[in-house]
């Protein structure tokens, strides 16, 4: 079969790779000049199969309401006005609220963990086969707590996750510091933590770009620098995709036996144009990447700071600090007062946790922090949409939220299996 994959992030390129292994002819389309140039560019770098709780839980509505008044809130809902323009956001919010109960939480956790375990196995297979190096660290993920109540909730969560095969170890502060000594200077503030030895970290951008090169070497056509102008259907079947080359402005039509929509947050408006309405909405996340001044004092275990809901990951001689979610449309600006406050929070927090370890000087002081933001394609349940749509020939692989890197390899493998007429061996509700 000839298959078009729209999107060259970790989801799209993983899909393309696995389709090639199945013997299909593959064309990848992306508006950027290189793969992994948007949401996969500078994420938290964690393969966090064991830290995958949905945002929607019974405590979320009250927290979200309180956080609406804080520019540094981990989850910030920014209502879009007027109502007509913001309808898709409000629909997403209502479905999110409908999942803020214990029954939905457990149901959603089960799905997310199943996909995560399947995906982690797929990633290991891909790394073994390709030999890609991407600053991988197989040292687990730690989670540090500074609040007793939050730590108690974490212990209950560990019991819940154990039901689904997730071995999340609850540890005392001394045990945590033995696992990762880098936070010893902050030990007086830490009340305890959790640790999952099976998780890992690595640079998603490097992995995706290297995988894209291997796809091209195996015969995939990479149409980079092409905008998707629209999808066109005839009698309930996708007929063609109209593309526009950014370099020349020329438009042309592309046809195939199957088209996979993997454009992240931008998948939703494109799908709506042919009558497929999925609740995928952008969640803006931020990161800053900093040169290390004292590599010997930097953490090797990727760590989640519960107080600020941020991830701290070592990438060679750099430190990636990432976090926060802003549900407020397709805004990618970094120069607004709100964006600057959220970026500043990341810098301030790393100075508090690991003073002097990374170069946190601002540009005015001679530093060079690399700020970034990306739009995570979020669903109200945190469960992505993978499978065939109601339109013949049109498939979808999107909605991975903050777990695109964690779920990318497996989502691509499952997509390729489905297109090839097989049912993937995991307990996941495909479309």
Foldseek 3Di string as FASTA:
>chain_A
DEEEEEAQALQRLLLLLLLVVVPYAYAYEEQAPAGCPFPLAFALQWLCLQPQFACAAQCNVVLQVVCCPPLLAQEHEDQDDDCVVRVLVVVQVVLLPVCHYDVSRLVLNLQSSLLLVLLVVLVVVVCVVQVQDFLKFQAWEKEWEQDPVVLVVVVVVCVSSVVNVFRKAWFALVVVCVSWVLQVVVSVRTGTIIIGNRMIGGRSSSVSRSSNVVSVVSNHHYHYSKDFPAWDDDPQATAWTWIARNVPRDIDTDDDQAYEYAHAQVSQVRCVVVPFHASWAWWKKKKKKFFWPAVVSDTCHWYAYVVSRWIWHDRDRIIMIIGGTYRDHDDFDCPDPSNVVNHVVSLVVCCSRRNRGTPSDDVVRVGDIDMGMHIGTAGSSLNWAFADDSRRRYTYQYHNGSNCVSSNNSSSNQNSQVVVPHHDPTPHDYD
